[in-house]
Amino acid sequence: MHKEFTIIIPVFNEEPCLPHLFPVLKDYVLKASKTTSILFVDDGSTDKSPLLISKFCEQNKDFDYLLFDRNYGKGAALKAAFDYVETPLLGYIDADLQTQPEDFELLFPYTDEYDLVSGWRSDRKDSAVKRFSSKFGNAIRNAFTNDNMHDTGCPLKIIKTEFAKKIPMFQGLQRFLPAMVLLQQGKIKEVKIEHYPRIAGKSKYNFKNRFLGPLVDCFAYIWMKKTYINYRVTQKSND
């Protein structure tokens, strides 16, 4: 049976989280409303994450993985996954379980009408510093992109694969996925979801990479918006 949906999970040094994550994903695959597969992308972890991922996937159907030779960043992990995925829809979630795969079910009802559906963590379970830096970063990005998203960095999204494959990823562009779908004349939607405290491991983000990095990325986005090539073929000759 052809799968309908692939969940992408970028991983970087999440060894403490993975034993909690694996059974949650197995349970969701069994009850998901769409036939679902999982794709881990290990972004050059230096802990035992690659070993745990490869061993788990080899023992469980519907689970695949890509292992990088070194750390390239989340944007590269997503780009590699977008290139790999063949299902009509793809999703994206972090390994820390601060968002839950069951909440993809809240997004699915909108995927016929919208080309990207994103979660909105309206009640964040993070530190005050983390909430402030994310809110400030979102405000800056909105000023540049005008995508009107409350929580563009939410790590729970569904994208039509045909749109995802045409996103020209660069480092940090994961923060601009809604805006890049808009560049393709796609439609985007936000849906409120639950947010949970991190159960294990450490966050990889701080004020510098939540604010200063995204601020620089905004200028890259402006250049890309100005030079982006978008086209649709209305007819082609028979092969």
C-alpha atoms as a PDB file:
ATOM      1  CA  MET A   1       0.000   0.000   0.000  1.00  0.00           C
ATOM      2  CA  HIS A   2       1.301   3.423  -0.941  1.00  0.00           C
ATOM      3  CA  LYS A   3       1.718   5.719   2.048  1.00  0.00           C
ATOM      4  CA  GLU A   4      -0.108   9.058   2.193  1.00  0.00           C
ATOM      5  CA  PHE A   5       1.990  10.884   4.764  1.00  0.00           C
ATOM      6  CA  THR A   6       5.635  11.009   5.923  1.00  0.00           C
ATOM      7  CA  ILE A   7       6.693  12.533   9.240  1.00  0.00           C
ATOM      8  CA  ILE A   8      10.197  14.016   9.145  1.00  0.00           C
ATOM      9  CA  ILE A   9      12.143  14.171  12.410  1.00  0.00           C
ATOM     10  CA  PRO A  10      15.451  16.072  12.410  1.00  0.00           C
ATOM     11  CA  VAL A  11      17.711  14.844  15.210  1.00  0.00           C
ATOM     12  CA  PHE A  12      20.835  16.339  16.719  1.00  0.00           C
ATOM     13  CA  ASN A  13      22.165  14.876  19.971  1.00  0.00           C
ATOM     14  CA  GLU A  14      18.765  13.738  21.267  1.00  0.00           C
ATOM     15  CA  GLU A  15      19.900  10.443  22.810  1.00  0.00           C
ATOM     16  CA  PRO A  16      17.943  11.036  26.081  1.00  0.00           C
ATOM     17  CA  CYS A  17      14.706  11.765  24.145  1.00  0.00           C
ATOM     18  CA  LEU A  18      14.744   8.913  21.657  1.00  0.00           C
ATOM     19  CA  PRO A  19      13.671   6.095  24.041  1.00  0.00           C
ATOM     20  CA  HIS A  20      10.585   8.194  24.838  1.00  0.00           C
ATOM     21  CA  LEU A  21       9.998   9.187  21.209  1.00  0.00           C
ATOM     22  CA  PHE A  22      10.127   5.755  19.557  1.00  0.00           C
ATOM     23  CA  PRO A  23       7.072   4.200  21.282  1.00  0.00           C
ATOM     24  CA  VAL A  24       5.045   7.401  20.815  1.00  0.00           C
ATOM     25  CA  LEU A  25       5.698   7.302  17.073  1.00  0.00           C
ATOM     26  CA  LYS A  26       4.960   3.565  16.811  1.00  0.00           C
ATOM     27  CA  ASP A  27       1.645   4.112  18.548  1.00  0.00           C
ATOM     28  CA  TYR A  28       0.725   7.031  16.300  1.00  0.00           C
ATOM     29  CA  VAL A  29       1.549   5.168  13.070  1.00  0.00           C
ATOM     30  CA  LEU A  30      -0.915   2.463  14.094  1.00  0.00           C
ATOM     31  CA  LYS A  31      -3.799   4.851  14.695  1.00  0.00           C
ATOM     32  CA  ALA A  32      -3.107   7.733  12.280  1.00  0.00           C
ATOM     33  CA  SER A  33      -5.995   8.631   9.992  1.00  0.00           C
ATOM     34  CA  LYS A  34      -3.620   8.551   6.993  1.00  0.00           C
ATOM     35  CA  THR A  35      -1.197   5.750   6.174  1.00  0.00           C
ATOM     36  CA  THR A  36       2.029   7.068   7.653  1.00  0.00           C
ATOM     37  CA  SER A  37       5.776   6.479   7.528  1.00  0.00           C
ATOM     38  CA  ILE A  38       8.528   8.069   9.609  1.00  0.00           C
ATOM     39  CA  LEU A  39      11.825   9.493   8.362  1.00  0.00           C
ATOM     40  CA  PHE A  40      14.573  10.361  10.854  1.00  0.00           C
ATOM     41  CA  VAL A  41      17.376  12.631   9.667  1.00  0.00           C
ATOM     42  CA  ASP A  42      20.334  12.573  12.034  1.00  0.00           C
ATOM     43  CA  ASP A  43      22.233  15.821  11.609  1.00  0.00           C
ATOM     44  CA  GLY A  44      25.685  14.593  12.578  1.00  0.00           C
ATOM     45  CA  SER A  45      24.957  13.761  16.214  1.00  0.00           C
ATOM     46  CA  THR A  46      28.010  13.080  18.389  1.00  0.00           C
ATOM     47  CA  ASP A  47      26.102  11.021  20.973  1.00  0.00           C
ATOM     48  CA  LYS A  48      24.454   7.619  20.425  1.00  0.00           C
ATOM     49  CA  SER A  49      21.489   9.015  18.480  1.00  0.00           C
ATOM     50  CA  PRO A  50      22.603   7.560  15.099  1.00  0.00           C
ATOM     51  CA  LEU A  51      23.057   4.091  16.623  1.00  0.00           C
ATOM     52  CA  LEU A  52      19.677   4.181  18.353  1.00  0.00           C
ATOM     53  CA  ILE A  53      17.916   5.423  15.220  1.00  0.00           C
ATOM     54  CA  SER A  54      19.449   2.894  12.837  1.00  0.00           C
ATOM     55  CA  LYS A  55      18.812  -0.010  15.203  1.00  0.00           C
ATOM     56  CA  PHE A  56      15.197   0.996  15.785  1.00  0.00           C
ATOM     57  CA  CYS A  57      14.420   1.559  12.102  1.00  0.00           C
ATOM     58  CA  GLU A  58      15.947  -1.743  11.067  1.00  0.00           C
ATOM     59  CA  GLN A  59      13.622  -3.509  13.512  1.00  0.00           C
ATOM     60  CA  ASN A  60      10.432  -1.627  12.648  1.00  0.00           C
ATOM     61  CA  LYS A  61       8.679  -1.290   9.325  1.00  0.00           C
ATOM     62  CA  ASP A  62       7.457   2.137   8.228  1.00  0.00           C
ATOM     63  CA  PHE A  63      10.562   3.741   9.821  1.00  0.00           C
ATOM     64  CA  ASP A  64      13.488   4.988   7.694  1.00  0.00           C
ATOM     65  CA  TYR A  65      16.532   7.128   8.372  1.00  0.00           C
ATOM     66  CA  LEU A  66      19.218   9.306   6.823  1.00  0.00           C
ATOM     67  CA  LEU A  67      22.515   9.852   8.660  1.00  0.00           C
ATOM     68  CA  PHE A  68      24.692  12.890   7.907  1.00  0.00           C
ATOM     69  CA  ASP A  69      28.486  12.651   8.074  1.00  0.00           C
ATOM     70  CA  ARG A  70      28.614  15.836  10.172  1.00  0.00           C
ATOM     71  CA  ASN A  71      26.379  18.576  11.555  1.00  0.00           C
ATOM     72  CA  TYR A  72      24.918  20.732   8.767  1.00  0.00           C
ATOM     73  CA  GLY A  73      21.961  22.318  10.571  1.00  0.00           C
ATOM     74  CA  LYS A  74      18.203  21.793  10.630  1.00  0.00           C
ATOM     75  CA  GLY A  75      17.697  23.477   7.255  1.00  0.00           C
ATOM     76  CA  ALA A  76      19.948  20.901   5.599  1.00  0.00           C
ATOM     77  CA  ALA A  77      18.199  18.048   7.412  1.00  0.00           C
ATOM     78  CA  LEU A  78      14.817  19.236   6.167  1.00  0.00           C
ATOM     79  CA  LYS A  79      16.098  19.757   2.620  1.00  0.00           C
ATOM     80  CA  ALA A  80      17.489  16.217   2.501  1.00  0.00           C
ATOM     81  CA  ALA A  81      14.174  14.867   3.787  1.00  0.00           C
ATOM     82  CA  PHE A  82      12.124  16.920   1.321  1.00  0.00           C
ATOM     83  CA  ASP A  83      14.218  15.458  -1.512  1.00  0.00           C
ATOM     84  CA  TYR A  84      13.741  11.914  -0.171  1.00  0.00           C
ATOM     85  CA  VAL A  85      10.002  11.913   0.573  1.00  0.00           C
ATOM     86  CA  GLU A  86       7.606  10.480  -2.029  1.00  0.00           C
ATOM     87  CA  THR A  87       4.248  10.692  -0.226  1.00  0.00           C
ATOM     88  CA  PRO A  88       1.763  13.433  -1.255  1.00  0.00           C
ATOM     89  CA  LEU A  89       1.942  15.011   2.216  1.00  0.00           C
ATOM     90  CA  LEU A  90       4.874  15.424   4.560  1.00  0.00           C
ATOM     91  CA  GLY A  91       4.989  16.524   8.155  1.00  0.00           C
ATOM     92  CA  TYR A  92       7.719  17.809  10.394  1.00  0.00           C
ATOM     93  CA  ILE A  93       8.110  17.449  14.141  1.00  0.00           C
ATOM     94  CA  ASP A  94      10.990  17.812  16.609  1.00  0.00           C
ATOM     95  CA  ALA A  95      12.358  14.890  18.614  1.00  0.00           C
ATOM     96  CA  ASP A  96      11.822  16.493  22.021  1.00  0.00           C
ATOM     97  CA  LEU A  97       8.063  15.701  22.199  1.00  0.00           C
ATOM     98  CA  GLN A  98       7.184  19.279  23.108  1.00  0.00           C
ATOM     99  CA  THR A  99       4.692  18.811  20.306  1.00  0.00           C
ATOM    100  CA  GLN A 100       2.921  15.470  19.890  1.00  0.00           C
ATOM    101  CA  PRO A 101       2.358  13.521  16.647  1.00  0.00           C
ATOM    102  CA  GLU A 102      -1.326  13.047  17.552  1.00  0.00           C
ATOM    103  CA  ASP A 103      -1.801  16.738  16.838  1.00  0.00           C
ATOM    104  CA  PHE A 104      -1.223  16.119  13.149  1.00  0.00           C
ATOM    105  CA  GLU A 105      -4.839  14.959  13.292  1.00  0.00           C
ATOM    106  CA  LEU A 106      -5.839  18.556  14.095  1.00  0.00           C
ATOM    107  CA  LEU A 107      -4.077  19.739  10.939  1.00  0.00           C
ATOM    108  CA  PHE A 108      -5.251  17.091   8.461  1.00  0.00           C
ATOM    109  CA  PRO A 109      -8.778  18.540   7.990  1.00  0.00           C
ATOM    110  CA  TYR A 110      -7.215  21.626   6.376  1.00  0.00           C
ATOM    111  CA  THR A 111      -4.785  19.936   3.988  1.00  0.00           C
ATOM    112  CA  ASP A 112      -7.207  19.775   1.074  1.00  0.00           C
ATOM    113  CA  GLU A 113      -7.687  23.545   1.026  1.00  0.00           C
ATOM    114  CA  TYR A 114      -4.263  24.677   2.262  1.00  0.00           C
ATOM    115  CA  ASP A 115      -0.759  23.860   1.032  1.00  0.00           C
ATOM    116  CA  LEU A 116       0.925  24.332   4.413  1.00  0.00           C
ATOM    117  CA  VAL A 117      -0.810  23.875   7.756  1.00  0.00           C
ATOM    118  CA  SER A 118       1.191  24.827  10.837  1.00  0.00           C
ATOM    119  CA  GLY A 119       0.648  24.379  14.535  1.00  0.00           C
ATOM    120  CA  TRP A 120       0.354  27.406  16.780  1.00  0.00           C
ATOM    121  CA  ARG A 121       1.705  26.938  20.300  1.00  0.00           C
ATOM    122  CA  SER A 122      -0.559  29.541  21.877  1.00  0.00           C
ATOM    123  CA  ASP A 123       0.298  28.386  25.417  1.00  0.00           C
ATOM    124  CA  ARG A 124       4.051  27.805  25.410  1.00  0.00           C
ATOM    125  CA  LYS A 125       5.564  25.571  28.117  1.00  0.00           C
ATOM    126  CA  ASP A 126       9.010  27.174  27.918  1.00  0.00           C
ATOM    127  CA  SER A 127      11.089  29.527  30.025  1.00  0.00           C
ATOM    128  CA  ALA A 128      10.304  33.245  29.976  1.00  0.00           C
ATOM    129  CA  VAL A 129      13.534  33.948  28.074  1.00  0.00           C
ATOM    130  CA  LYS A 130      12.710  31.356  25.442  1.00  0.00           C
ATOM    131  CA  ARG A 131       9.139  32.635  25.044  1.00  0.00           C
ATOM    132  CA  PHE A 132      10.323  36.237  24.748  1.00  0.00           C
ATOM    133  CA  SER A 133      13.057  35.486  22.217  1.00  0.00           C
ATOM    134  CA  SER A 134      10.650  33.418  20.095  1.00  0.00           C
ATOM    135  CA  LYS A 135       7.959  36.091  20.228  1.00  0.00           C
ATOM    136  CA  PHE A 136      10.469  38.775  19.309  1.00  0.00           C
ATOM    137  CA  GLY A 137      11.893  36.635  16.502  1.00  0.00           C
ATOM    138  CA  ASN A 138       8.398  36.010  15.121  1.00  0.00           C
ATOM    139  CA  ALA A 139       7.689  39.733  15.124  1.00  0.00           C
ATOM    140  CA  ILE A 140      10.882  40.426  13.195  1.00  0.00           C
ATOM    141  CA  ARG A 141      10.133  37.736  10.630  1.00  0.00           C
ATOM    142  CA  ASN A 142       6.573  38.953  10.181  1.00  0.00           C
ATOM    143  CA  ALA A 143       7.874  42.439   9.492  1.00  0.00           C
ATOM    144  CA  PHE A 144       9.953  41.029   6.623  1.00  0.00           C
ATOM    145  CA  THR A 145       7.642  38.320   5.290  1.00  0.00           C
ATOM    146  CA  ASN A 146       4.104  39.564   6.009  1.00  0.00           C
ATOM    147  CA  ASP A 147       2.999  35.949   6.370  1.00  0.00           C
ATOM    148  CA  ASN A 148       0.813  36.883   9.395  1.00  0.00           C
ATOM    149  CA  MET A 149       1.821  33.733  11.260  1.00  0.00           C
ATOM    150  CA  HIS A 150       1.752  33.837  15.062  1.00  0.00           C
ATOM    151  CA  ASP A 151       4.212  30.966  15.488  1.00  0.00           C
ATOM    152  CA  THR A 152       6.160  30.329  12.292  1.00  0.00           C
ATOM    153  CA  GLY A 153       8.795  28.392  14.238  1.00  0.00           C
ATOM    154  CA  CYS A 154       6.340  25.806  15.554  1.00  0.00           C
ATOM    155  CA  PRO A 155       7.930  22.377  14.942  1.00  0.00           C
ATOM    156  CA  LEU A 156       4.702  20.723  13.843  1.00  0.00           C
ATOM    157  CA  LYS A 157       3.685  21.331  10.240  1.00  0.00           C
ATOM    158  CA  ILE A 158       2.134  19.573   7.276  1.00  0.00           C
ATOM    159  CA  ILE A 159       3.169  20.599   3.762  1.00  0.00           C
ATOM    160  CA  LYS A 160       2.065  19.315   0.400  1.00  0.00           C
ATOM    161  CA  THR A 161       5.183  17.576  -0.883  1.00  0.00           C
ATOM    162  CA  GLU A 162       5.021  19.222  -4.303  1.00  0.00           C
ATOM    163  CA  PHE A 163       5.424  22.594  -2.571  1.00  0.00           C
ATOM    164  CA  ALA A 164       8.123  21.398  -0.153  1.00  0.00           C
ATOM    165  CA  LYS A 165      10.291  20.074  -2.983  1.00  0.00           C
ATOM    166  CA  LYS A 166      10.311  23.500  -4.655  1.00  0.00           C
ATOM    167  CA  ILE A 167      11.542  25.319  -1.560  1.00  0.00           C
ATOM    168  CA  PRO A 168      15.172  26.393  -2.148  1.00  0.00           C
ATOM    169  CA  MET A 169      16.482  25.610   1.336  1.00  0.00           C
ATOM    170  CA  PHE A 170      19.380  27.464   2.894  1.00  0.00           C
ATOM    171  CA  GLN A 171      20.628  27.455   6.457  1.00  0.00           C
ATOM    172  CA  GLY A 172      17.921  28.874   8.706  1.00  0.00           C
ATOM    173  CA  LEU A 173      15.177  28.758   6.094  1.00  0.00           C
ATOM    174  CA  GLN A 174      13.107  26.382   8.236  1.00  0.00           C
ATOM    175  CA  ARG A 175      11.936  29.565   9.956  1.00  0.00           C
ATOM    176  CA  PHE A 176      10.478  30.768   6.645  1.00  0.00           C
ATOM    177  CA  LEU A 177       8.590  27.713   5.410  1.00  0.00           C
ATOM    178  CA  PRO A 178       5.180  29.472   5.425  1.00  0.00           C
ATOM    179  CA  ALA A 179       6.632  32.455   3.579  1.00  0.00           C
ATOM    180  CA  MET A 180       8.265  30.184   0.996  1.00  0.00           C
ATOM    181  CA  VAL A 181       4.944  28.472   0.330  1.00  0.00           C
ATOM    182  CA  LEU A 182       3.367  31.891  -0.155  1.00  0.00           C
ATOM    183  CA  LEU A 183       6.050  32.673  -2.762  1.00  0.00           C
ATOM    184  CA  GLN A 184       4.654  29.742  -4.739  1.00  0.00           C
ATOM    185  CA  GLN A 185       1.161  31.283  -4.524  1.00  0.00           C
ATOM    186  CA  GLY A 186       0.265  28.582  -2.019  1.00  0.00           C
ATOM    187  CA  LYS A 187      -2.174  28.946   0.859  1.00  0.00           C
ATOM    188  CA  ILE A 188      -1.207  28.633   4.525  1.00  0.00           C
ATOM    189  CA  LYS A 189      -3.130  28.050   7.735  1.00  0.00           C
ATOM    190  CA  GLU A 190      -2.425  28.023  11.501  1.00  0.00           C
ATOM    191  CA  VAL A 191      -4.164  25.704  13.969  1.00  0.00           C
ATOM    192  CA  LYS A 192      -3.825  25.932  17.758  1.00  0.00           C
ATOM    193  CA  ILE A 193      -2.140  22.907  19.326  1.00  0.00           C
ATOM    194  CA  GLU A 194      -0.929  21.870  22.770  1.00  0.00           C
ATOM    195  CA  HIS A 195       2.657  22.455  23.846  1.00  0.00           C
ATOM    196  CA  TYR A 196       4.476  20.378  26.461  1.00  0.00           C
ATOM    197  CA  PRO A 197       7.611  20.745  28.610  1.00  0.00           C
ATOM    198  CA  ARG A 198      10.731  19.048  27.304  1.00  0.00           C
ATOM    199  CA  ILE A 199      10.936  15.614  28.932  1.00  0.00           C
ATOM    200  CA  ALA A 200      14.669  14.980  28.448  1.00  0.00           C
ATOM    201  CA  GLY A 201      17.802  16.410  26.873  1.00  0.00           C
ATOM    202  CA  LYS A 202      18.635  20.053  26.337  1.00  0.00           C
ATOM    203  CA  SER A 203      17.312  22.694  23.983  1.00  0.00           C
ATOM    204  CA  LYS A 204      19.725  23.617  21.180  1.00  0.00           C
ATOM    205  CA  TYR A 205      18.433  27.188  21.029  1.00  0.00           C
ATOM    206  CA  ASN A 206      19.405  30.368  22.816  1.00  0.00           C
ATOM    207  CA  PHE A 207      18.882  34.094  22.359  1.00  0.00           C
ATOM    208  CA  LYS A 208      21.630  34.284  19.753  1.00  0.00           C
ATOM    209  CA  ASN A 209      20.242  31.614  17.447  1.00  0.00           C
ATOM    210  CA  ARG A 210      16.611  32.573  18.128  1.00  0.00           C
ATOM    211  CA  PHE A 211      17.089  36.262  17.397  1.00  0.00           C
ATOM    212  CA  LEU A 212      20.435  37.247  15.865  1.00  0.00           C
ATOM    213  CA  GLY A 213      20.550  34.312  13.421  1.00  0.00           C
ATOM    214  CA  PRO A 214      16.961  34.759  12.236  1.00  0.00           C
ATOM    215  CA  LEU A 215      17.536  38.498  11.803  1.00  0.00           C
ATOM    216  CA  VAL A 216      20.379  37.794   9.371  1.00  0.00           C
ATOM    217  CA  ASP A 217      18.250  35.129   7.660  1.00  0.00           C
ATOM    218  CA  CYS A 218      15.547  37.735   7.020  1.00  0.00           C
ATOM    219  CA  PHE A 219      17.861  39.551   4.629  1.00  0.00           C
ATOM    220  CA  ALA A 220      18.582  36.267   2.835  1.00  0.00           C
ATOM    221  CA  TYR A 221      14.834  35.754   2.527  1.00  0.00           C
ATOM    222  CA  ILE A 222      14.348  39.243   1.058  1.00  0.00           C
ATOM    223  CA  TRP A 223      16.984  38.478  -1.583  1.00  0.00           C
ATOM    224  CA  MET A 224      15.350  35.136  -2.352  1.00  0.00           C
ATOM    225  CA  LYS A 225      11.895  36.708  -2.574  1.00  0.00           C
ATOM    226  CA  LYS A 226      13.229  39.218  -5.095  1.00  0.00           C
ATOM    227  CA  THR A 227      14.941  36.593  -7.256  1.00  0.00           C
ATOM    228  CA  TYR A 228      12.649  33.584  -6.748  1.00  0.00           C
ATOM    229  CA  ILE A 229      11.529  31.861  -9.951  1.00  0.00           C
ATOM    230  CA  ASN A 230       8.015  30.431  -9.849  1.00  0.00           C
ATOM    231  CA  TYR A 231       6.208  28.885 -12.797  1.00  0.00           C
ATOM    232  CA  ARG A 232       3.445  26.424 -13.642  1.00  0.00           C
ATOM    233  CA  VAL A 233       3.365  24.271 -16.766  1.00  0.00           C
ATOM    234  CA  THR A 234      -0.140  24.249 -18.276  1.00  0.00           C
ATOM    235  CA  GLN A 235       0.565  21.759 -21.067  1.00  0.00           C
ATOM    236  CA  LYS A 236       3.380  19.559 -22.355  1.00  0.00           C
ATOM    237  CA  SER A 237       3.908  17.349 -25.353  1.00  0.00           C
ATOM    238  CA  ASN A 238       3.290  13.612 -25.117  1.00  0.00           C
ATOM    239  CA  ASP A 239       6.330  11.575 -24.141  1.00  0.00           C
END
